[in-house]
N, C-alpha and C. Protein backbone atom coordinates (compact mmCIF):
# COMPACT_ATOMS: atom_id res chain seq x y z
N UNK A 1 72.46 86.28 290.17
CA UNK A 1 72.17 85.00 289.51
C UNK A 1 71.23 85.22 288.31
N UNK A 2 70.21 86.09 288.55
CA UNK A 2 69.26 86.35 287.46
C UNK A 2 69.98 87.08 286.31
N UNK A 3 70.80 88.01 286.77
CA UNK A 3 71.54 88.76 285.76
C UNK A 3 72.47 87.84 284.98
N UNK A 4 73.12 86.95 285.74
CA UNK A 4 74.03 86.00 285.09
C UNK A 4 73.24 85.06 284.21
N UNK A 5 72.06 84.64 284.72
CA UNK A 5 71.23 83.75 283.92
C UNK A 5 70.79 84.45 282.64
N UNK A 6 70.35 85.70 282.77
CA UNK A 6 69.94 86.47 281.60
C UNK A 6 71.10 86.67 280.64
N UNK A 7 72.22 86.94 281.29
CA UNK A 7 73.40 87.14 280.45
C UNK A 7 73.74 85.87 279.70
N UNK A 8 73.70 84.73 280.40
CA UNK A 8 73.98 83.44 279.76
C UNK A 8 72.91 83.14 278.72
N UNK A 9 71.64 83.46 279.09
CA UNK A 9 70.53 83.24 278.17
C UNK A 9 70.74 84.08 276.90
N UNK A 10 71.22 85.29 277.15
CA UNK A 10 71.48 86.17 275.98
C UNK A 10 72.59 85.59 275.13
N UNK A 11 73.64 85.08 275.79
CA UNK A 11 74.76 84.49 275.08
C UNK A 11 74.32 83.26 274.30
N UNK A 12 73.43 82.47 274.98
CA UNK A 12 72.93 81.27 274.30
C UNK A 12 72.13 81.68 273.06
N UNK A 13 71.27 82.70 273.22
CA UNK A 13 70.48 83.14 272.07
C UNK A 13 71.39 83.68 270.96
N UNK A 14 72.40 84.46 271.44
CA UNK A 14 73.36 84.98 270.45
C UNK A 14 74.09 83.84 269.76
N UNK A 15 74.46 82.83 270.64
CA UNK A 15 75.17 81.68 270.08
C UNK A 15 74.26 80.92 269.12
N UNK A 16 72.98 80.78 269.48
CA UNK A 16 72.04 80.08 268.60
C UNK A 16 71.84 80.86 267.29
N UNK A 17 71.70 82.22 267.48
CA UNK A 17 71.52 83.05 266.29
C UNK A 17 72.76 82.94 265.40
N UNK A 18 73.93 82.96 266.07
CA UNK A 18 75.17 82.84 265.31
C UNK A 18 75.25 81.47 264.64
N UNK A 19 74.85 80.42 265.41
CA UNK A 19 74.86 79.07 264.86
C UNK A 19 73.88 78.97 263.69
N UNK A 20 72.69 79.63 263.91
CA UNK A 20 71.70 79.63 262.82
C UNK A 20 72.25 80.34 261.57
N UNK A 21 72.94 81.44 261.86
CA UNK A 21 73.54 82.20 260.77
C UNK A 21 74.60 81.36 260.05
N UNK A 22 75.45 80.74 260.90
CA UNK A 22 76.49 79.87 260.31
C UNK A 22 75.88 78.69 259.56
N UNK A 23 74.75 78.18 260.15
CA UNK A 23 74.10 77.05 259.51
C UNK A 23 73.54 77.48 258.14
N UNK A 24 72.94 78.69 258.12
CA UNK A 24 72.42 79.20 256.84
C UNK A 24 73.57 79.42 255.83
N UNK A 25 74.66 79.98 256.41
CA UNK A 25 75.82 80.19 255.53
C UNK A 25 76.35 78.85 255.01
N UNK A 26 76.36 77.86 255.98
CA UNK A 26 76.85 76.53 255.57
C UNK A 26 75.92 75.93 254.51
N UNK A 27 74.58 76.10 254.72
CA UNK A 27 73.65 75.58 253.74
C UNK A 27 73.83 76.30 252.39
N UNK A 28 74.02 77.63 252.48
CA UNK A 28 74.24 78.40 251.24
C UNK A 28 75.53 77.95 250.57
N UNK A 29 76.56 77.77 251.43
CA UNK A 29 77.84 77.30 250.89
C UNK A 29 77.70 75.90 250.32
N UNK A 30 76.93 75.07 251.04
CA UNK A 30 76.70 73.70 250.55
C UNK A 30 75.98 73.74 249.19
N UNK A 31 74.95 74.64 249.15
CA UNK A 31 74.21 74.77 247.90
C UNK A 31 75.15 75.27 246.78
N UNK A 32 75.95 76.28 247.16
CA UNK A 32 76.91 76.80 246.16
C UNK A 32 77.92 75.72 245.78
N UNK A 33 78.37 74.98 246.80
CA UNK A 33 79.33 73.91 246.54
C UNK A 33 78.69 72.83 245.66
N UNK A 34 77.39 72.54 245.93
CA UNK A 34 76.68 71.56 245.09
C UNK A 34 76.61 72.05 243.66
N UNK A 35 76.30 73.38 243.53
CA UNK A 35 76.26 73.96 242.18
C UNK A 35 77.63 73.87 241.52
N UNK A 36 78.65 74.18 242.36
CA UNK A 36 80.03 74.11 241.83
C UNK A 36 80.37 72.69 241.42
N UNK A 37 79.99 71.70 242.33
CA UNK A 37 80.24 70.29 241.99
C UNK A 37 79.52 69.88 240.70
N UNK A 38 78.23 70.30 240.61
CA UNK A 38 77.49 69.97 239.41
C UNK A 38 78.12 70.62 238.16
N UNK A 39 78.49 71.91 238.35
CA UNK A 39 79.14 72.61 237.25
C UNK A 39 80.46 71.94 236.88
N UNK A 40 81.21 71.54 237.95
CA UNK A 40 82.47 70.85 237.71
C UNK A 40 82.23 69.51 237.01
N UNK A 41 81.16 68.81 237.46
CA UNK A 41 80.83 67.53 236.84
C UNK A 41 80.48 67.72 235.37
N UNK A 42 79.65 68.78 235.13
CA UNK A 42 79.31 69.07 233.74
C UNK A 42 80.55 69.44 232.93
N UNK A 43 81.43 70.25 233.58
CA UNK A 43 82.66 70.63 232.89
C UNK A 43 83.54 69.41 232.62
N UNK A 44 83.61 68.49 233.62
CA UNK A 44 84.41 67.28 233.42
C UNK A 44 83.83 66.42 232.31
N UNK A 45 82.47 66.28 232.33
CA UNK A 45 81.85 65.52 231.24
C UNK A 45 82.09 66.20 229.89
N UNK A 46 81.92 67.54 229.90
CA UNK A 46 82.16 68.29 228.66
C UNK A 46 83.62 68.14 228.23
N UNK A 47 84.54 68.22 229.25
CA UNK A 47 85.96 68.06 228.94
C UNK A 47 86.24 66.66 228.40
N UNK A 48 85.61 65.65 229.03
CA UNK A 48 85.79 64.27 228.57
C UNK A 48 85.27 64.13 227.14
N UNK A 49 84.09 64.76 226.92
CA UNK A 49 83.51 64.72 225.58
C UNK A 49 84.42 65.42 224.58
N UNK A 50 84.93 66.60 225.02
CA UNK A 50 85.84 67.35 224.16
C UNK A 50 87.11 66.55 223.89
N UNK A 51 87.60 65.86 224.95
CA UNK A 51 88.80 65.03 224.76
C UNK A 51 88.53 63.89 223.78
N UNK A 52 87.31 63.27 223.95
CA UNK A 52 86.95 62.20 223.02
C UNK A 52 86.84 62.73 221.59
N UNK A 53 86.15 63.88 221.45
CA UNK A 53 86.03 64.48 220.11
C UNK A 53 87.39 64.89 219.57
N UNK A 54 88.24 65.44 220.48
CA UNK A 54 89.58 65.83 220.06
C UNK A 54 90.39 64.62 219.62
N UNK A 55 90.23 63.54 220.39
CA UNK A 55 90.95 62.31 220.02
C UNK A 55 90.45 61.79 218.68
N UNK A 56 89.09 61.79 218.54
CA UNK A 56 88.52 61.34 217.26
C UNK A 56 88.96 62.27 216.12
N UNK A 57 88.92 63.59 216.40
CA UNK A 57 89.36 64.55 215.39
C UNK A 57 90.83 64.34 215.05
N UNK A 58 91.63 64.09 216.10
CA UNK A 58 93.06 63.85 215.86
C UNK A 58 93.27 62.59 215.03
N UNK A 59 92.49 61.52 215.37
CA UNK A 59 92.61 60.29 214.59
C UNK A 59 92.15 60.52 213.15
N UNK A 60 90.98 61.25 213.03
CA UNK A 60 90.50 61.57 211.68
C UNK A 60 91.53 62.40 210.90
N UNK A 61 92.15 63.35 211.63
CA UNK A 61 93.16 64.19 210.99
C UNK A 61 94.37 63.35 210.55
N UNK A 62 94.77 62.40 211.43
CA UNK A 62 95.90 61.54 211.06
C UNK A 62 95.55 60.68 209.84
N UNK A 63 94.30 60.15 209.86
CA UNK A 63 93.86 59.36 208.70
C UNK A 63 93.83 60.24 207.45
N UNK A 64 93.25 61.45 207.62
CA UNK A 64 93.19 62.38 206.49
C UNK A 64 94.59 62.77 206.02
N UNK A 65 95.49 63.01 206.99
CA UNK A 65 96.86 63.37 206.65
C UNK A 65 97.54 62.24 205.91
N UNK A 66 97.32 60.99 206.40
CA UNK A 66 97.90 59.82 205.73
C UNK A 66 97.35 59.67 204.31
N UNK A 67 96.00 59.79 204.20
CA UNK A 67 95.39 59.69 202.87
C UNK A 67 95.87 60.82 201.96
N UNK A 68 95.96 62.04 202.53
CA UNK A 68 96.42 63.18 201.74
C UNK A 68 97.86 62.97 201.30
N UNK A 69 98.69 62.42 202.23
CA UNK A 69 100.09 62.15 201.89
C UNK A 69 100.18 61.11 200.77
N UNK A 70 99.35 60.04 200.91
CA UNK A 70 99.33 59.01 199.87
C UNK A 70 98.86 59.60 198.53
N UNK A 71 97.76 60.41 198.62
CA UNK A 71 97.26 61.04 197.39
C UNK A 71 98.31 61.97 196.79
N UNK A 72 99.01 62.72 197.69
CA UNK A 72 100.04 63.63 197.22
C UNK A 72 101.19 62.86 196.58
N UNK A 73 101.59 61.75 197.23
CA UNK A 73 102.65 60.93 196.65
C UNK A 73 102.23 60.34 195.30
N UNK A 74 100.96 59.86 195.26
CA UNK A 74 100.45 59.32 193.99
C UNK A 74 100.41 60.41 192.92
N UNK A 75 99.91 61.59 193.31
CA UNK A 75 99.85 62.70 192.37
C UNK A 75 101.25 63.12 191.92
N UNK A 76 102.18 63.10 192.88
CA UNK A 76 103.57 63.43 192.57
C UNK A 76 104.16 62.41 191.59
N UNK A 77 103.86 61.11 191.86
CA UNK A 77 104.35 60.06 190.97
C UNK A 77 103.74 60.20 189.57
N UNK A 78 102.40 60.45 189.57
CA UNK A 78 101.73 60.66 188.28
C UNK A 78 102.31 61.86 187.55
N UNK A 79 102.57 62.93 188.31
CA UNK A 79 103.14 64.13 187.70
C UNK A 79 104.53 63.84 187.14
N UNK A 80 105.33 63.07 187.91
CA UNK A 80 106.66 62.70 187.42
C UNK A 80 106.56 61.86 186.15
N UNK A 81 105.59 60.89 186.16
CA UNK A 81 105.40 60.07 184.97
C UNK A 81 104.97 60.93 183.77
N UNK A 82 104.00 61.84 184.05
CA UNK A 82 103.55 62.74 182.98
C UNK A 82 104.70 63.63 182.50
N UNK A 83 105.49 64.11 183.46
CA UNK A 83 106.63 64.95 183.09
C UNK A 83 107.62 64.17 182.23
N UNK A 84 107.87 62.90 182.63
CA UNK A 84 108.77 62.06 181.85
C UNK A 84 108.24 61.85 180.44
N UNK A 85 106.92 61.55 180.36
CA UNK A 85 106.31 61.33 179.04
C UNK A 85 106.37 62.61 178.21
N UNK A 86 106.03 63.75 178.86
CA UNK A 86 106.07 65.03 178.14
C UNK A 86 107.49 65.39 177.73
N UNK A 87 108.46 65.06 178.61
CA UNK A 87 109.85 65.34 178.28
C UNK A 87 110.29 64.52 177.07
N UNK A 88 109.92 63.22 177.07
CA UNK A 88 110.25 62.37 175.92
C UNK A 88 109.57 62.89 174.65
N UNK A 89 108.28 63.23 174.79
CA UNK A 89 107.55 63.76 173.64
C UNK A 89 108.17 65.08 173.17
N UNK A 90 108.61 65.90 174.13
CA UNK A 90 109.25 67.16 173.79
C UNK A 90 110.55 66.92 173.01
N UNK A 91 111.34 65.92 173.45
CA UNK A 91 112.57 65.59 172.73
C UNK A 91 112.27 65.12 171.32
N UNK A 92 111.24 64.24 171.21
CA UNK A 92 110.86 63.74 169.88
C UNK A 92 110.42 64.90 168.99
N UNK A 93 109.55 65.77 169.55
CA UNK A 93 109.06 66.91 168.77
C UNK A 93 110.20 67.87 168.43
N UNK A 94 111.16 68.02 169.35
CA UNK A 94 112.30 68.90 169.09
C UNK A 94 113.15 68.33 167.96
N UNK A 95 113.37 66.99 168.00
CA UNK A 95 114.12 66.35 166.92
C UNK A 95 113.38 66.49 165.59
N UNK A 96 112.03 66.26 165.65
CA UNK A 96 111.24 66.43 164.43
C UNK A 96 111.31 67.88 163.93
N UNK A 97 111.26 68.83 164.87
CA UNK A 97 111.34 70.24 164.51
C UNK A 97 112.68 70.54 163.85
N UNK A 98 113.78 69.99 164.44
CA UNK A 98 115.10 70.20 163.84
C UNK A 98 115.17 69.59 162.44
N UNK A 99 114.58 68.36 162.30
CA UNK A 99 114.56 67.73 160.97
C UNK A 99 113.78 68.57 159.97
N UNK A 100 112.60 69.05 160.40
CA UNK A 100 111.77 69.87 159.51
C UNK A 100 112.49 71.18 159.17
N UNK A 101 113.18 71.74 160.17
CA UNK A 101 113.93 72.97 159.93
C UNK A 101 115.05 72.73 158.92
N UNK A 102 115.75 71.59 159.08
CA UNK A 102 116.82 71.24 158.13
C UNK A 102 116.23 71.02 156.74
N UNK A 103 115.10 70.27 156.68
CA UNK A 103 114.45 70.06 155.39
C UNK A 103 114.02 71.39 154.76
N UNK A 104 113.52 72.30 155.61
CA UNK A 104 113.10 73.61 155.11
C UNK A 104 114.29 74.36 154.53
N UNK A 105 115.45 74.32 155.25
CA UNK A 105 116.63 74.99 154.73
C UNK A 105 117.07 74.37 153.41
N UNK A 106 117.06 73.01 153.37
CA UNK A 106 117.43 72.32 152.13
C UNK A 106 116.48 72.71 151.00
N UNK A 107 115.17 72.74 151.31
CA UNK A 107 114.18 73.11 150.29
C UNK A 107 114.34 74.56 149.86
N UNK A 108 114.70 75.44 150.82
CA UNK A 108 114.93 76.84 150.45
C UNK A 108 116.14 76.97 149.53
N UNK A 109 117.22 76.22 149.87
CA UNK A 109 118.39 76.24 148.99
C UNK A 109 118.05 75.68 147.62
N UNK A 110 117.30 74.55 147.63
CA UNK A 110 116.89 73.95 146.36
C UNK A 110 115.99 74.90 145.58
N UNK A 111 115.09 75.58 146.31
CA UNK A 111 114.19 76.54 145.67
C UNK A 111 114.98 77.70 145.05
N UNK A 112 115.97 78.20 145.80
CA UNK A 112 116.79 79.29 145.27
C UNK A 112 117.57 78.83 144.04
N UNK A 113 118.12 77.59 144.14
CA UNK A 113 118.85 77.05 142.99
C UNK A 113 117.94 76.90 141.78
N UNK A 114 116.73 76.31 142.02
CA UNK A 114 115.77 76.15 140.93
C UNK A 114 115.31 77.50 140.39
N UNK A 115 115.17 78.48 141.29
CA UNK A 115 114.76 79.82 140.86
C UNK A 115 115.82 80.44 139.95
N UNK A 116 117.11 80.29 140.38
CA UNK A 116 118.19 80.80 139.55
C UNK A 116 118.25 80.07 138.22
N UNK A 117 118.11 78.73 138.29
CA UNK A 117 118.13 77.94 137.05
C UNK A 117 116.95 78.31 136.16
N UNK A 118 115.79 78.53 136.78
CA UNK A 118 114.62 78.94 136.01
C UNK A 118 114.84 80.30 135.35
N UNK A 119 115.46 81.21 136.10
CA UNK A 119 115.74 82.54 135.54
C UNK A 119 116.70 82.42 134.36
N UNK A 120 117.77 81.61 134.55
CA UNK A 120 118.71 81.42 133.45
C UNK A 120 118.03 80.76 132.25
N UNK A 121 117.22 79.71 132.54
CA UNK A 121 116.51 79.02 131.47
C UNK A 121 115.56 79.97 130.76
N UNK A 122 114.88 80.83 131.57
CA UNK A 122 113.95 81.80 130.97
C UNK A 122 114.70 82.78 130.08
N UNK A 123 115.86 83.26 130.56
CA UNK A 123 116.65 84.18 129.75
C UNK A 123 117.12 83.49 128.48
N UNK A 124 117.59 82.22 128.65
CA UNK A 124 118.06 81.47 127.48
C UNK A 124 116.92 81.26 126.49
N UNK A 125 115.75 80.87 127.02
CA UNK A 125 114.58 80.67 126.16
C UNK A 125 114.15 81.96 125.49
N UNK A 126 114.24 83.06 126.26
CA UNK A 126 113.88 84.36 125.67
C UNK A 126 114.82 84.70 124.52
N UNK A 127 116.14 84.48 124.76
CA UNK A 127 117.11 84.75 123.70
C UNK A 127 116.85 83.84 122.49
N UNK A 128 116.65 82.52 122.76
CA UNK A 128 116.38 81.59 121.67
C UNK A 128 115.10 81.97 120.94
N UNK A 129 114.06 82.38 121.72
CA UNK A 129 112.80 82.78 121.11
C UNK A 129 112.98 84.00 120.23
N UNK A 130 113.77 84.98 120.75
CA UNK A 130 114.01 86.19 119.95
C UNK A 130 114.79 85.83 118.68
N UNK A 131 115.80 84.94 118.85
CA UNK A 131 116.57 84.50 117.69
C UNK A 131 115.69 83.76 116.68
N UNK A 132 114.86 82.82 117.23
CA UNK A 132 113.96 82.07 116.34
C UNK A 132 112.94 82.99 115.66
N UNK A 133 112.45 83.97 116.43
CA UNK A 133 111.49 84.90 115.84
C UNK A 133 112.15 85.72 114.73
N UNK A 134 113.43 86.12 115.02
CA UNK A 134 114.16 86.87 114.00
C UNK A 134 114.39 86.00 112.76
N UNK A 135 114.80 84.72 113.02
CA UNK A 135 115.00 83.80 111.90
C UNK A 135 113.69 83.56 111.15
N UNK A 136 112.59 83.42 111.91
CA UNK A 136 111.28 83.21 111.29
C UNK A 136 110.88 84.41 110.44
N UNK A 137 111.10 85.61 111.03
CA UNK A 137 110.78 86.81 110.25
C UNK A 137 111.61 86.87 108.97
N UNK A 138 112.90 86.55 109.12
CA UNK A 138 113.77 86.55 107.94
C UNK A 138 113.31 85.50 106.93
N UNK A 139 112.96 84.30 107.45
CA UNK A 139 112.50 83.23 106.58
C UNK A 139 111.18 83.59 105.91
N UNK A 140 110.29 84.23 106.70
CA UNK A 140 109.01 84.67 106.13
C UNK A 140 109.25 85.67 105.01
N UNK A 141 110.20 86.61 105.28
CA UNK A 141 110.53 87.59 104.24
C UNK A 141 111.08 86.91 102.99
N UNK A 142 112.00 85.92 103.24
CA UNK A 142 112.56 85.19 102.10
C UNK A 142 111.47 84.42 101.35
N UNK A 143 110.55 83.78 102.14
CA UNK A 143 109.46 83.04 101.50
C UNK A 143 108.54 83.95 100.72
N UNK A 144 108.31 85.13 101.28
CA UNK A 144 107.46 86.08 100.57
C UNK A 144 108.12 86.51 99.26
N UNK A 145 109.45 86.75 99.35
CA UNK A 145 110.19 87.09 98.12
C UNK A 145 110.12 85.94 97.12
N UNK A 146 110.32 84.70 97.65
CA UNK A 146 110.27 83.52 96.77
C UNK A 146 108.89 83.37 96.15
N UNK A 147 107.83 83.57 96.97
CA UNK A 147 106.46 83.48 96.44
C UNK A 147 106.23 84.53 95.36
N UNK A 148 106.73 85.74 95.64
CA UNK A 148 106.58 86.80 94.64
C UNK A 148 107.28 86.42 93.34
N UNK A 149 108.54 85.90 93.48
CA UNK A 149 109.29 85.49 92.30
C UNK A 149 108.58 84.35 91.57
N UNK A 150 108.07 83.37 92.37
CA UNK A 150 107.37 82.25 91.75
C UNK A 150 106.11 82.70 91.03
N UNK A 151 105.42 83.67 91.63
CA UNK A 151 104.23 84.20 90.96
C UNK A 151 104.61 84.86 89.63
N UNK A 152 105.72 85.62 89.71
CA UNK A 152 106.18 86.26 88.48
C UNK A 152 106.55 85.20 87.44
N UNK A 153 107.31 84.16 87.92
CA UNK A 153 107.69 83.09 87.01
C UNK A 153 106.45 82.37 86.48
N UNK A 154 105.44 82.20 87.35
CA UNK A 154 104.20 81.54 86.93
C UNK A 154 103.50 82.36 85.86
N UNK A 155 103.51 83.69 86.05
CA UNK A 155 102.91 84.56 85.03
C UNK A 155 103.64 84.40 83.70
N UNK A 156 105.00 84.41 83.81
CA UNK A 156 105.80 84.27 82.60
C UNK A 156 105.56 82.91 81.95
N UNK A 157 105.49 81.85 82.82
CA UNK A 157 105.26 80.51 82.29
C UNK A 157 103.88 80.40 81.64
N UNK A 158 102.87 81.04 82.24
CA UNK A 158 101.53 81.03 81.63
C UNK A 158 101.55 81.72 80.27
N UNK A 159 102.27 82.87 80.31
CA UNK A 159 102.36 83.62 79.05
C UNK A 159 103.08 82.80 77.98
N UNK A 160 104.21 82.15 78.42
CA UNK A 160 104.95 81.32 77.48
C UNK A 160 104.11 80.13 77.03
N UNK A 161 103.34 79.57 78.00
CA UNK A 161 102.48 78.44 77.67
C UNK A 161 101.42 78.85 76.65
N UNK A 162 100.85 80.03 76.86
CA UNK A 162 99.86 80.52 75.90
C UNK A 162 100.49 80.72 74.51
N UNK A 163 101.72 81.26 74.53
CA UNK A 163 102.41 81.47 73.26
C UNK A 163 102.69 80.13 72.57
N UNK A 164 103.17 79.15 73.38
CA UNK A 164 103.45 77.83 72.81
C UNK A 164 102.17 77.19 72.31
N UNK A 165 101.08 77.38 73.10
CA UNK A 165 99.79 76.82 72.69
C UNK A 165 99.33 77.46 71.37
N UNK A 166 99.52 78.78 71.29
CA UNK A 166 99.15 79.48 70.05
C UNK A 166 99.99 78.98 68.88
N UNK A 167 101.32 78.84 69.17
CA UNK A 167 102.20 78.33 68.12
C UNK A 167 101.79 76.91 67.72
N UNK A 168 101.41 76.10 68.74
CA UNK A 168 101.00 74.74 68.46
C UNK A 168 99.74 74.71 67.60
N UNK A 169 98.80 75.58 67.93
CA UNK A 169 97.57 75.68 67.14
C UNK A 169 97.89 76.12 65.71
N UNK A 170 98.80 77.08 65.61
CA UNK A 170 99.22 77.55 64.29
C UNK A 170 99.88 76.43 63.50
N UNK A 171 100.75 75.69 64.24
CA UNK A 171 101.47 74.58 63.59
C UNK A 171 100.48 73.53 63.13
N UNK A 172 99.48 73.25 63.99
CA UNK A 172 98.46 72.25 63.62
C UNK A 172 97.67 72.73 62.38
N UNK A 173 97.38 74.02 62.41
CA UNK A 173 96.65 74.57 61.27
C UNK A 173 97.49 74.46 59.99
N UNK A 174 98.79 74.76 60.12
CA UNK A 174 99.68 74.64 58.97
C UNK A 174 99.79 73.19 58.53
N UNK A 175 99.88 72.28 59.50
CA UNK A 175 99.98 70.86 59.17
C UNK A 175 98.72 70.42 58.42
N UNK A 176 97.58 70.93 58.91
CA UNK A 176 96.32 70.59 58.23
C UNK A 176 96.32 71.14 56.79
N UNK A 177 96.84 72.37 56.70
CA UNK A 177 96.91 72.96 55.37
C UNK A 177 97.86 72.16 54.48
N UNK A 178 99.03 71.76 55.06
CA UNK A 178 100.00 70.95 54.29
C UNK A 178 99.40 69.61 53.91
N UNK A 179 98.66 69.02 54.82
CA UNK A 179 98.04 67.73 54.51
C UNK A 179 97.02 67.86 53.38
N UNK A 180 96.17 68.90 53.53
CA UNK A 180 95.18 69.11 52.47
C UNK A 180 95.86 69.39 51.12
N UNK A 181 96.93 70.20 51.22
CA UNK A 181 97.67 70.52 49.99
C UNK A 181 98.30 69.27 49.39
N UNK A 182 98.83 68.40 50.27
CA UNK A 182 99.47 67.16 49.82
C UNK A 182 98.43 66.27 49.16
N UNK A 183 97.26 66.18 49.81
CA UNK A 183 96.21 65.34 49.22
C UNK A 183 95.77 65.90 47.86
N UNK A 184 95.69 67.23 47.84
CA UNK A 184 95.29 67.85 46.57
C UNK A 184 96.34 67.59 45.48
N UNK A 185 97.62 67.64 45.92
CA UNK A 185 98.68 67.41 44.97
C UNK A 185 98.68 65.96 44.51
N UNK A 186 98.39 65.07 45.42
CA UNK A 186 98.40 63.66 45.04
C UNK A 186 97.25 63.31 44.07
N UNK A 187 96.20 64.10 44.15
CA UNK A 187 95.06 63.86 43.24
C UNK A 187 95.33 64.38 41.85
N UNK A 188 96.26 65.28 41.75
CA UNK A 188 96.58 65.79 40.41
C UNK A 188 97.55 64.84 39.73
N UNK A 189 97.12 64.21 38.53
CA UNK A 189 97.97 63.24 37.91
C UNK A 189 99.16 63.89 37.21
N UNK A 190 98.97 65.07 36.81
CA UNK A 190 100.05 65.68 36.04
C UNK A 190 101.24 66.03 36.93
N UNK A 191 100.96 66.28 38.16
CA UNK A 191 102.04 66.66 39.07
C UNK A 191 102.68 65.46 39.73
N UNK A 192 102.12 64.25 39.51
CA UNK A 192 102.67 63.11 40.23
C UNK A 192 104.01 62.80 39.63
């Protein structure tokens, strides 16, 4: 009986020790489970927060995407308008360029024609000038000959004039002599 009692007592102590061990393990597990629950709670709150932030980020992204799409469409429309305006301006400038090019060709043709006409006119003027110069030289030579002849004639005329003047003086002297002689004759009564 004592042995059985001791044996049972030993079993009870073992059972108590085992229960104490299990109780400690349960407390440790409870503590770990509490930590896990708290960690899970923190994770759930963090997840909820992340979901809220993700939702807000998604909404912000959608708003940004919508605004970006609108801005892109507006920019695209503006670009199309600018392209249309530039295309029209390009056509106008191209037409103006073609007109200026045509005018340039016309002016070049006109310039070449005027250049040729100028060259012909210059040659004609050169020929006329050479002819006129030749005629002038010939006329100058003729005038010089005429001047020389006139000078000679003038010398002869001066000489003749002097001779006539001398003859006139002689004639006047003779007339004076005849007059004096006539008066002298008229004074003589015997000769009347």
